[in-house]
């Protein structure tokens, strides 16, 4: 299973009813991890996510990008 970000491509936030319907449809075939107005984080198979999102023209999905935090270059000293 992979993690995908589903994003709304409209000019403003999506209508709440449309977003609820999409989340409901996604929950039938994948796990919804988190949602904010205009974006939904989903765990599941790509085919399942694509079949749900492909029916909605204003919604797109992409594989979640990993953001790696690099360690600091120098050691942080404790306060004396």
PDB file of N, CA and C in Angstrom:
ATOM      1  N   UNK A   1       0.842  -1.180   0.000  1.00  0.00           N
ATOM      2  CA  UNK A   1       0.000   0.000   0.000  1.00  0.00           C
ATOM      3  C   UNK A   1       0.884   1.239   0.000  1.00  0.00           C
ATOM      4  N   UNK A   2       0.406   2.245  -0.676  1.00  0.00           N
ATOM      5  CA  UNK A   2       1.125   3.507  -0.758  1.00  0.00           C
ATOM      6  C   UNK A   2       0.290   4.605  -0.133  1.00  0.00           C
ATOM      7  N   UNK A   3       0.915   5.723   0.074  1.00  0.00           N
ATOM      8  CA  UNK A   3       0.222   6.877   0.639  1.00  0.00           C
ATOM      9  C   UNK A   3       0.090   7.933  -0.449  1.00  0.00           C
ATOM     10  N   UNK A   4      -1.127   8.444  -0.617  1.00  0.00           N
ATOM     11  CA  UNK A   4      -1.423   9.418  -1.660  1.00  0.00           C
ATOM     12  C   UNK A   4      -2.026  10.677  -1.056  1.00  0.00           C
ATOM     13  N   UNK A   5      -1.804  11.794  -1.727  1.00  0.00           N
ATOM     14  CA  UNK A   5      -2.429  13.058  -1.366  1.00  0.00           C
ATOM     15  C   UNK A   5      -3.434  13.386  -2.457  1.00  0.00           C
ATOM     16  N   UNK A   6      -4.691  13.566  -2.068  1.00  0.00           N
ATOM     17  CA  UNK A   6      -5.755  13.936  -2.995  1.00  0.00           C
ATOM     18  C   UNK A   6      -6.004  15.428  -2.799  1.00  0.00           C
ATOM     19  N   UNK A   7      -5.919  16.207  -3.886  1.00  0.00           N
ATOM     20  CA  UNK A   7      -5.975  17.666  -3.799  1.00  0.00           C
ATOM     21  C   UNK A   7      -7.080  18.204  -4.696  1.00  0.00           C
ATOM     22  N   UNK A   8      -7.761  19.252  -4.211  1.00  0.00           N
ATOM     23  CA  UNK A   8      -8.805  19.932  -4.975  1.00  0.00           C
ATOM     24  C   UNK A   8      -8.165  20.999  -5.850  1.00  0.00           C
ATOM     25  N   UNK A   9      -8.558  21.076  -7.127  1.00  0.00           N
ATOM     26  CA  UNK A   9      -7.973  22.028  -8.073  1.00  0.00           C
ATOM     27  C   UNK A   9      -8.869  23.218  -8.381  1.00  0.00           C
ATOM     28  N   UNK A  10      -9.811  23.528  -7.536  1.00  0.00           N
ATOM     29  CA  UNK A  10     -10.701  24.657  -7.779  1.00  0.00           C
ATOM     30  C   UNK A  10     -10.075  25.972  -7.343  1.00  0.00           C
ATOM     31  N   UNK A  11     -10.831  27.059  -7.502  1.00  0.00           N
ATOM     32  CA  UNK A  11     -10.336  28.379  -7.139  1.00  0.00           C
ATOM     33  C   UNK A  11     -10.360  28.625  -5.637  1.00  0.00           C
ATOM     34  N   UNK A  12     -11.236  27.958  -4.922  1.00  0.00           N
ATOM     35  CA  UNK A  12     -11.322  28.110  -3.473  1.00  0.00           C
ATOM     36  C   UNK A  12     -11.495  26.725  -2.858  1.00  0.00           C
ATOM     37  N   UNK A  13     -11.850  26.674  -1.594  1.00  0.00           N
ATOM     38  CA  UNK A  13     -12.082  25.380  -0.949  1.00  0.00           C
ATOM     39  C   UNK A  13     -13.254  24.671  -1.614  1.00  0.00           C
ATOM     40  N   UNK A  14     -13.235  23.350  -1.617  1.00  0.00           N
ATOM     41  CA  UNK A  14     -14.335  22.599  -2.242  1.00  0.00           C
ATOM     42  C   UNK A  14     -15.610  22.707  -1.411  1.00  0.00           C
ATOM     43  N   UNK A  15     -16.759  22.517  -2.037  1.00  0.00           N
ATOM     44  CA  UNK A  15     -18.003  22.479  -1.265  1.00  0.00           C
ATOM     45  C   UNK A  15     -17.931  21.339  -0.244  1.00  0.00           C
ATOM     46  N   UNK A  16     -18.376  21.582   0.983  1.00  0.00           N
ATOM     47  CA  UNK A  16     -18.285  20.537   2.019  1.00  0.00           C
ATOM     48  C   UNK A  16     -18.986  19.237   1.634  1.00  0.00           C
ATOM     49  N   UNK A  17     -20.117  19.330   0.956  1.00  0.00           N
ATOM     50  CA  UNK A  17     -20.844  18.117   0.566  1.00  0.00           C
ATOM     51  C   UNK A  17     -20.033  17.293  -0.434  1.00  0.00           C
ATOM     52  N   UNK A  18     -19.355  17.963  -1.358  1.00  0.00           N
ATOM     53  CA  UNK A  18     -18.534  17.255  -2.347  1.00  0.00           C
ATOM     54  C   UNK A  18     -17.348  16.559  -1.673  1.00  0.00           C
ATOM     55  N   UNK A  19     -16.731  17.245  -0.723  1.00  0.00           N
ATOM     56  CA  UNK A  19     -15.592  16.652  -0.028  1.00  0.00           C
ATOM     57  C   UNK A  19     -16.028  15.472   0.849  1.00  0.00           C
ATOM     58  N   UNK A  20     -17.161  15.595   1.520  1.00  0.00           N
ATOM     59  CA  UNK A  20     -17.677  14.483   2.328  1.00  0.00           C
ATOM     60  C   UNK A  20     -17.981  13.271   1.466  1.00  0.00           C
ATOM     61  N   UNK A  21     -18.550  13.504   0.287  1.00  0.00           N
ATOM     62  CA  UNK A  21     -18.862  12.395  -0.619  1.00  0.00           C
ATOM     63  C   UNK A  21     -17.585  11.698  -1.088  1.00  0.00           C
ATOM     64  N   UNK A  22     -16.546  12.467  -1.368  1.00  0.00           N
ATOM     65  CA  UNK A  22     -15.273  11.885  -1.797  1.00  0.00           C
ATOM     66  C   UNK A  22     -14.635  11.077  -0.667  1.00  0.00           C
ATOM     67  N   UNK A  23     -14.626  11.617   0.541  1.00  0.00           N
ATOM     68  CA  UNK A  23     -14.057  10.897   1.686  1.00  0.00           C
ATOM     69  C   UNK A  23     -14.824   9.605   1.925  1.00  0.00           C
ATOM     70  N   UNK A  24     -16.136   9.665   1.820  1.00  0.00           N
ATOM     71  CA  UNK A  24     -16.960   8.470   2.003  1.00  0.00           C
ATOM     72  C   UNK A  24     -16.635   7.413   0.953  1.00  0.00           C
ATOM     73  N   UNK A  25     -16.476   7.830  -0.294  1.00  0.00           N
ATOM     74  CA  UNK A  25     -16.145   6.890  -1.369  1.00  0.00           C
ATOM     75  C   UNK A  25     -14.739   6.310  -1.183  1.00  0.00           C
ATOM     76  N   UNK A  26     -13.799   7.133  -0.722  1.00  0.00           N
ATOM     77  CA  UNK A  26     -12.439   6.647  -0.504  1.00  0.00           C
ATOM     78  C   UNK A  26     -12.378   5.650   0.647  1.00  0.00           C
ATOM     79  N   UNK A  27     -13.179   5.855   1.683  1.00  0.00           N
ATOM     80  CA  UNK A  27     -13.159   4.956   2.845  1.00  0.00           C
ATOM     81  C   UNK A  27     -13.623   3.549   2.503  1.00  0.00           C
ATOM     82  N   UNK A  28     -14.356   3.380   1.423  1.00  0.00           N
ATOM     83  CA  UNK A  28     -14.818   2.046   1.034  1.00  0.00           C
ATOM     84  C   UNK A  28     -13.677   1.178   0.520  1.00  0.00           C
ATOM     85  N   UNK A  29     -12.637   1.802  -0.058  1.00  0.00           N
ATOM     86  CA  UNK A  29     -11.567   1.013  -0.666  1.00  0.00           C
ATOM     87  C   UNK A  29     -10.173   1.342  -0.140  1.00  0.00           C
ATOM     88  N   UNK A  30     -10.044   2.358   0.717  1.00  0.00           N
ATOM     89  CA  UNK A  30      -8.733   2.755   1.237  1.00  0.00           C
ATOM     90  C   UNK A  30      -8.918   3.342   2.636  1.00  0.00           C
ATOM     91  N   UNK A  31      -7.815   3.655   3.279  1.00  0.00           N
ATOM     92  CA  UNK A  31      -7.844   4.241   4.615  1.00  0.00           C
ATOM     93  C   UNK A  31      -7.566   5.730   4.511  1.00  0.00           C
ATOM     94  N   UNK A  32      -8.490   6.547   5.004  1.00  0.00           N
ATOM     95  CA  UNK A  32      -8.295   7.995   5.023  1.00  0.00           C
ATOM     96  C   UNK A  32      -7.531   8.326   6.301  1.00  0.00           C
ATOM     97  N   UNK A  33      -6.308   8.824   6.161  1.00  0.00           N
ATOM     98  CA  UNK A  33      -5.443   9.114   7.298  1.00  0.00           C
ATOM     99  C   UNK A  33      -5.761  10.479   7.883  1.00  0.00           C
ATOM    100  N   UNK A  34      -5.907  11.485   7.033  1.00  0.00           N
ATOM    101  CA  UNK A  34      -6.138  12.851   7.494  1.00  0.00           C
ATOM    102  C   UNK A  34      -6.830  13.621   6.387  1.00  0.00           C
ATOM    103  N   UNK A  35      -7.575  14.640   6.768  1.00  0.00           N
ATOM    104  CA  UNK A  35      -8.199  15.495   5.753  1.00  0.00           C
ATOM    105  C   UNK A  35      -8.264  16.925   6.253  1.00  0.00           C
ATOM    106  N   UNK A  36      -8.062  17.839   5.326  1.00  0.00           N
ATOM    107  CA  UNK A  36      -8.197  19.274   5.544  1.00  0.00           C
ATOM    108  C   UNK A  36      -9.013  19.782   4.374  1.00  0.00           C
ATOM    109  N   UNK A  37      -9.607  20.962   4.487  1.00  0.00           N
ATOM    110  CA  UNK A  37     -10.357  21.471   3.333  1.00  0.00           C
ATOM    111  C   UNK A  37      -9.463  21.565   2.093  1.00  0.00           C
ATOM    112  N   UNK A  38      -9.789  20.787   1.087  1.00  0.00           N
ATOM    113  CA  UNK A  38      -9.044  20.822  -0.162  1.00  0.00           C
ATOM    114  C   UNK A  38      -7.974  19.766  -0.313  1.00  0.00           C
ATOM    115  N   UNK A  39      -7.671  19.007   0.744  1.00  0.00           N
ATOM    116  CA  UNK A  39      -6.673  17.945   0.615  1.00  0.00           C
ATOM    117  C   UNK A  39      -6.994  16.796   1.562  1.00  0.00           C
ATOM    118  N   UNK A  40      -6.725  15.579   1.078  1.00  0.00           N
ATOM    119  CA  UNK A  40      -7.020  14.362   1.826  1.00  0.00           C
ATOM    120  C   UNK A  40      -5.807  13.445   1.712  1.00  0.00           C
ATOM    121  N   UNK A  41      -5.352  12.900   2.838  1.00  0.00           N
ATOM    122  CA  UNK A  41      -4.232  11.967   2.868  1.00  0.00           C
ATOM    123  C   UNK A  41      -4.797  10.557   2.976  1.00  0.00           C
ATOM    124  N   UNK A  42      -4.409   9.679   2.029  1.00  0.00           N
ATOM    125  CA  UNK A  42      -5.024   8.358   1.901  1.00  0.00           C
ATOM    126  C   UNK A  42      -3.949   7.273   1.841  1.00  0.00           C
ATOM    127  N   UNK A  43      -4.187   6.161   2.545  1.00  0.00           N
ATOM    128  CA  UNK A  43      -3.370   4.950   2.433  1.00  0.00           C
ATOM    129  C   UNK A  43      -4.163   3.928   1.651  1.00  0.00           C
ATOM    130  N   UNK A  44      -3.585   3.374   0.592  1.00  0.00           N
ATOM    131  CA  UNK A  44      -4.302   2.356  -0.166  1.00  0.00           C
ATOM    132  C   UNK A  44      -3.618   2.040  -1.477  1.00  0.00           C
ATOM    133  N   UNK A  45      -4.252   1.184  -2.236  1.00  0.00           N
ATOM    134  CA  UNK A  45      -3.729   0.810  -3.548  1.00  0.00           C
ATOM    135  C   UNK A  45      -4.006   1.930  -4.549  1.00  0.00           C
ATOM    136  N   UNK A  46      -3.073   2.129  -5.464  1.00  0.00           N
ATOM    137  CA  UNK A  46      -3.226   3.207  -6.444  1.00  0.00           C
ATOM    138  C   UNK A  46      -4.457   3.005  -7.315  1.00  0.00           C
ATOM    139  N   UNK A  47      -4.753   1.774  -7.674  1.00  0.00           N
ATOM    140  CA  UNK A  47      -5.920   1.506  -8.522  1.00  0.00           C
ATOM    141  C   UNK A  47      -7.211   1.906  -7.819  1.00  0.00           C
ATOM    142  N   UNK A  48      -7.294   1.655  -6.518  1.00  0.00           N
ATOM    143  CA  UNK A  48      -8.496   2.013  -5.763  1.00  0.00           C
ATOM    144  C   UNK A  48      -8.659   3.522  -5.665  1.00  0.00           C
ATOM    145  N   UNK A  49      -7.566   4.219  -5.384  1.00  0.00           N
ATOM    146  CA  UNK A  49      -7.622   5.683  -5.277  1.00  0.00           C
ATOM    147  C   UNK A  49      -7.922   6.291  -6.642  1.00  0.00           C
ATOM    148  N   UNK A  50      -7.294   5.777  -7.694  1.00  0.00           N
ATOM    149  CA  UNK A  50      -7.509   6.304  -9.044  1.00  0.00           C
ATOM    150  C   UNK A  50      -8.940   6.103  -9.503  1.00  0.00           C
ATOM    151  N   UNK A  51      -9.547   4.984  -9.149  1.00  0.00           N
ATOM    152  CA  UNK A  51     -10.921   4.740  -9.593  1.00  0.00           C
ATOM    153  C   UNK A  51     -11.904   5.695  -8.933  1.00  0.00           C
ATOM    154  N   UNK A  52     -11.643   6.079  -7.693  1.00  0.00           N
ATOM    155  CA  UNK A  52     -12.542   7.007  -6.997  1.00  0.00           C
ATOM    156  C   UNK A  52     -12.296   8.442  -7.450  1.00  0.00           C
ATOM    157  N   UNK A  53     -11.036   8.855  -7.504  1.00  0.00           N
ATOM    158  CA  UNK A  53     -10.698  10.244  -7.836  1.00  0.00           C
ATOM    159  C   UNK A  53     -10.907  10.525  -9.320  1.00  0.00           C
ATOM    160  N   UNK A  54     -10.738   9.528 -10.166  1.00  0.00           N
ATOM    161  CA  UNK A  54     -10.881   9.725 -11.609  1.00  0.00           C
ATOM    162  C   UNK A  54     -12.274  10.129 -12.043  1.00  0.00           C
ATOM    163  N   UNK A  55     -13.272   9.854 -11.231  1.00  0.00           N
ATOM    164  CA  UNK A  55     -14.653  10.214 -11.560  1.00  0.00           C
ATOM    165  C   UNK A  55     -14.973  11.667 -11.232  1.00  0.00           C
ATOM    166  N   UNK A  56     -14.070  12.344 -10.559  1.00  0.00           N
ATOM    167  CA  UNK A  56     -14.312  13.726 -10.133  1.00  0.00           C
ATOM    168  C   UNK A  56     -13.319  14.647 -10.838  1.00  0.00           C
ATOM    169  N   UNK A  57     -13.799  15.540 -11.697  1.00  0.00           N
ATOM    170  CA  UNK A  57     -12.891  16.336 -12.539  1.00  0.00           C
ATOM    171  C   UNK A  57     -12.042  17.356 -11.774  1.00  0.00           C
ATOM    172  N   UNK A  58     -12.495  17.862 -10.634  1.00  0.00           N
ATOM    173  CA  UNK A  58     -11.740  18.891  -9.914  1.00  0.00           C
ATOM    174  C   UNK A  58     -10.758  18.329  -8.896  1.00  0.00           C
ATOM    175  N   UNK A  59     -10.654  17.029  -8.810  1.00  0.00           N
ATOM    176  CA  UNK A  59      -9.772  16.404  -7.831  1.00  0.00           C
ATOM    177  C   UNK A  59      -8.644  15.658  -8.536  1.00  0.00           C
ATOM    178  N   UNK A  60      -7.439  15.755  -8.006  1.00  0.00           N
ATOM    179  CA  UNK A  60      -6.260  15.060  -8.529  1.00  0.00           C
ATOM    180  C   UNK A  60      -5.579  14.342  -7.370  1.00  0.00           C
ATOM    181  N   UNK A  61      -4.801  13.322  -7.678  1.00  0.00           N
ATOM    182  CA  UNK A  61      -4.049  12.632  -6.632  1.00  0.00           C
ATOM    183  C   UNK A  61      -2.603  12.465  -7.060  1.00  0.00           C
ATOM    184  N   UNK A  62      -1.725  12.352  -6.080  1.00  0.00           N
ATOM    185  CA  UNK A  62      -0.302  12.137  -6.329  1.00  0.00           C
ATOM    186  C   UNK A  62       0.278  11.356  -5.159  1.00  0.00           C
ATOM    187  N   UNK A  63       1.375  10.677  -5.410  1.00  0.00           N
ATOM    188  CA  UNK A  63       2.065   9.956  -4.346  1.00  0.00           C
ATOM    189  C   UNK A  63       2.631  10.980  -3.373  1.00  0.00           C
ATOM    190  N   UNK A  64       2.499  10.687  -2.075  1.00  0.00           N
ATOM    191  CA  UNK A  64       3.009  11.605  -1.071  1.00  0.00           C
ATOM    192  C   UNK A  64       4.524  11.670  -1.157  1.00  0.00           C
ATOM    193  N   UNK A  65       5.065  12.872  -1.174  1.00  0.00           N
ATOM    194  CA  UNK A  65       6.513  13.056  -1.214  1.00  0.00           C
ATOM    195  C   UNK A  65       7.069  12.971   0.206  1.00  0.00           C
ATOM    196  N   UNK A  66       8.212  12.361   0.324  1.00  0.00           N
ATOM    197  CA  UNK A  66       8.849  12.262   1.640  1.00  0.00           C
ATOM    198  C   UNK A  66       9.762  13.465   1.840  1.00  0.00           C
ATOM    199  N   UNK A  67       9.617  14.108   2.978  1.00  0.00           N
ATOM    200  CA  UNK A  67      10.466  15.241   3.318  1.00  0.00           C
ATOM    201  C   UNK A  67      11.449  14.783   4.390  1.00  0.00           C
ATOM    202  N   UNK A  68      12.702  14.737   4.044  1.00  0.00           N
ATOM    203  CA  UNK A  68      13.716  14.289   4.988  1.00  0.00           C
ATOM    204  C   UNK A  68      14.362  15.498   5.657  1.00  0.00           C
ATOM    205  N   UNK A  69      14.416  15.472   6.958  1.00  0.00           N
ATOM    206  CA  UNK A  69      15.074  16.548   7.696  1.00  0.00           C
ATOM    207  C   UNK A  69      16.526  16.144   7.936  1.00  0.00           C
ATOM    208  N   UNK A  70      17.430  17.000   7.536  1.00  0.00           N
ATOM    209  CA  UNK A  70      18.848  16.708   7.716  1.00  0.00           C
ATOM    210  C   UNK A  70      19.265  17.068   9.139  1.00  0.00           C
ATOM    211  N   UNK A  71      20.177  16.320   9.722  1.00  0.00           N
ATOM    212  CA  UNK A  71      20.650  16.660  11.067  1.00  0.00           C
ATOM    213  C   UNK A  71      21.480  17.937  11.021  1.00  0.00           C
ATOM    214  N   UNK A  72      21.594  18.624  12.145  1.00  0.00           N
ATOM    215  CA  UNK A  72      22.404  19.854  12.149  1.00  0.00           C
ATOM    216  C   UNK A  72      23.875  19.527  11.887  1.00  0.00           C
ATOM    217  N   UNK A  73      24.603  20.490  11.326  1.00  0.00           N
ATOM    218  CA  UNK A  73      26.006  20.280  10.980  1.00  0.00           C
ATOM    219  C   UNK A  73      26.924  20.363  12.192  1.00  0.00           C
ATOM    220  N   UNK A  74      26.502  21.040  13.210  1.00  0.00           N
ATOM    221  CA  UNK A  74      27.352  21.148  14.388  1.00  0.00           C
ATOM    222  C   UNK A  74      26.584  20.662  15.609  1.00  0.00           C
ATOM    223  N   UNK A  75      27.313  20.324  16.627  1.00  0.00           N
ATOM    224  CA  UNK A  75      26.714  19.826  17.858  1.00  0.00           C
ATOM    225  C   UNK A  75      26.173  21.013  18.650  1.00  0.00           C
ATOM    226  N   UNK A  76      24.954  20.894  19.126  1.00  0.00           N
ATOM    227  CA  UNK A  76      24.363  21.947  19.943  1.00  0.00           C
ATOM    228  C   UNK A  76      24.834  21.745  21.377  1.00  0.00           C
ATOM    229  N   UNK A  77      25.443  22.772  21.957  1.00  0.00           N
ATOM    230  CA  UNK A  77      25.988  22.662  23.310  1.00  0.00           C
ATOM    231  C   UNK A  77      24.906  22.973  24.334  1.00  0.00           C
ATOM    232  N   UNK A  78      25.004  22.307  25.447  1.00  0.00           N
ATOM    233  CA  UNK A  78      24.057  22.553  26.539  1.00  0.00           C
ATOM    234  C   UNK A  78      24.399  23.863  27.226  1.00  0.00           C
ATOM    235  N   UNK A  79      23.382  24.515  27.756  1.00  0.00           N
ATOM    236  CA  UNK A  79      23.606  25.755  28.498  1.00  0.00           C
ATOM    237  C   UNK A  79      24.348  25.445  29.796  1.00  0.00           C
ATOM    238  N   UNK A  80      25.262  26.317  30.167  1.00  0.00           N
ATOM    239  CA  UNK A  80      26.058  26.083  31.380  1.00  0.00           C
ATOM    240  C   UNK A  80      25.301  26.464  32.626  1.00  0.00           C
TER     241      UNK A  80
END
